[in-house]
Amino acid sequence: MDVTNIANTATTMNEAFIQQASGTAVLKKALDISADNAMALIEAIPDNTAAQHLPSHLGQNINTTA
């Protein structure tokens, strides 16, 4: 068995591990950014308590001729 082949195989496996680890780290960072963006959108939803103060007859009919 050639020692060079063993070293090349070990180097190739190490490079694959490093690529996989860096890809996982990038994916985790992208997911964290997406979660932060989603929370910002949820927090940006306006409070609809003003709609609760409307008269009770509003919103009961739909104008289908318009």
C-alpha atoms as a PDB file:
ATOM      1  CA  MET A   1       0.000   0.000   0.000  1.00  0.00           C
ATOM      2  CA  ASP A   2       1.349   3.370  -0.966  1.00  0.00           C
ATOM      3  CA  VAL A   3       1.697   5.973   1.794  1.00  0.00           C
ATOM      4  CA  THR A   4       1.078   8.782  -0.698  1.00  0.00           C
ATOM      5  CA  ASN A   5      -2.363   7.401  -1.551  1.00  0.00           C
ATOM      6  CA  ILE A   6      -3.265   7.250   2.129  1.00  0.00           C
ATOM      7  CA  ALA A   7      -2.143  10.844   2.639  1.00  0.00           C
ATOM      8  CA  ASN A   8      -4.062  12.013  -0.430  1.00  0.00           C
ATOM      9  CA  THR A   9      -7.192  10.243   0.776  1.00  0.00           C
ATOM     10  CA  ALA A  10      -6.864  11.785   4.234  1.00  0.00           C
ATOM     11  CA  THR A  11      -6.359  15.240   2.722  1.00  0.00           C
ATOM     12  CA  THR A  12      -9.367  14.832   0.436  1.00  0.00           C
ATOM     13  CA  MET A  13     -11.540  13.685   3.340  1.00  0.00           C
ATOM     14  CA  ASN A  14     -10.395  16.639   5.449  1.00  0.00           C
ATOM     15  CA  GLU A  15     -11.180  19.091   2.642  1.00  0.00           C
ATOM     16  CA  ALA A  16     -14.647  17.566   2.240  1.00  0.00           C
ATOM     17  CA  PHE A  17     -15.240  17.901   5.987  1.00  0.00           C
ATOM     18  CA  ILE A  18     -14.164  21.548   5.940  1.00  0.00           C
ATOM     19  CA  GLN A  19     -16.422  22.300   2.961  1.00  0.00           C
ATOM     20  CA  GLN A  20     -19.361  20.601   4.657  1.00  0.00           C
ATOM     21  CA  ALA A  21     -18.758  22.459   7.921  1.00  0.00           C
ATOM     22  CA  SER A  22     -18.510  25.818   6.186  1.00  0.00           C
ATOM     23  CA  GLY A  23     -21.645  25.095   4.153  1.00  0.00           C
ATOM     24  CA  THR A  24     -23.513  24.225   7.338  1.00  0.00           C
ATOM     25  CA  ALA A  25     -22.324  27.425   9.009  1.00  0.00           C
ATOM     26  CA  VAL A  26     -23.465  29.522   6.050  1.00  0.00           C
ATOM     27  CA  LEU A  27     -26.847  27.773   6.048  1.00  0.00           C
ATOM     28  CA  LYS A  28     -27.266  28.375   9.789  1.00  0.00           C
ATOM     29  CA  LYS A  29     -26.439  32.063   9.347  1.00  0.00           C
ATOM     30  CA  ALA A  30     -28.949  32.344   6.486  1.00  0.00           C
ATOM     31  CA  LEU A  31     -31.643  30.706   8.626  1.00  0.00           C
ATOM     32  CA  ASP A  32     -30.880  33.074  11.510  1.00  0.00           C
ATOM     33  CA  ILE A  33     -31.188  36.072   9.190  1.00  0.00           C
ATOM     34  CA  SER A  34     -34.478  34.730   7.814  1.00  0.00           C
ATOM     35  CA  ALA A  35     -35.819  34.260  11.346  1.00  0.00           C
ATOM     36  CA  ASP A  36     -34.830  37.814  12.251  1.00  0.00           C
ATOM     37  CA  ASN A  37     -36.538  39.141   9.118  1.00  0.00           C
ATOM     38  CA  ALA A  38     -39.686  37.156   9.884  1.00  0.00           C
ATOM     39  CA  MET A  39     -39.802  38.532  13.427  1.00  0.00           C
ATOM     40  CA  ALA A  40     -39.346  42.066  12.098  1.00  0.00           C
ATOM     41  CA  LEU A  41     -42.277  41.556   9.723  1.00  0.00           C
ATOM     42  CA  ILE A  42     -44.459  40.147  12.491  1.00  0.00           C
ATOM     43  CA  GLU A  43     -43.626  43.066  14.761  1.00  0.00           C
ATOM     44  CA  ALA A  44     -44.391  45.508  11.928  1.00  0.00           C
ATOM     45  CA  ILE A  45     -48.007  44.352  11.715  1.00  0.00           C
ATOM     46  CA  PRO A  46     -50.121  47.285  12.882  1.00  0.00           C
ATOM     47  CA  ASP A  47     -52.318  46.898  15.926  1.00  0.00           C
ATOM     48  CA  ASN A  48     -55.950  46.520  14.881  1.00  0.00           C
ATOM     49  CA  THR A  49     -57.564  47.720  18.107  1.00  0.00           C
ATOM     50  CA  ALA A  50     -58.879  50.797  16.238  1.00  0.00           C
ATOM     51  CA  ALA A  51     -61.047  48.503  14.088  1.00  0.00           C
ATOM     52  CA  GLN A  52     -62.777  47.200  17.194  1.00  0.00           C
ATOM     53  CA  HIS A  53     -64.218  50.663  17.901  1.00  0.00           C
ATOM     54  CA  LEU A  54     -66.255  50.751  14.679  1.00  0.00           C
ATOM     55  CA  PRO A  55     -70.049  50.742  14.846  1.00  0.00           C
ATOM     56  CA  SER A  56     -71.599  47.268  14.889  1.00  0.00           C
ATOM     57  CA  HIS A  57     -73.484  47.759  11.581  1.00  0.00           C
ATOM     58  CA  LEU A  58     -70.268  48.249   9.563  1.00  0.00           C
ATOM     59  CA  GLY A  59     -68.874  45.237   7.763  1.00  0.00           C
ATOM     60  CA  GLN A  60     -72.155  43.340   7.649  1.00  0.00           C
ATOM     61  CA  ASN A  61     -73.038  43.915   3.964  1.00  0.00           C
ATOM     62  CA  ILE A  62     -71.168  43.475   0.693  1.00  0.00           C
ATOM     63  CA  ASN A  63     -71.940  45.726  -2.300  1.00  0.00           C
ATOM     64  CA  THR A  64     -72.057  43.325  -5.241  1.00  0.00           C
ATOM     65  CA  THR A  65     -73.181  45.927  -7.806  1.00  0.00           C
ATOM     66  CA  ALA A  66     -70.121  48.145  -7.615  1.00  0.00           C
END
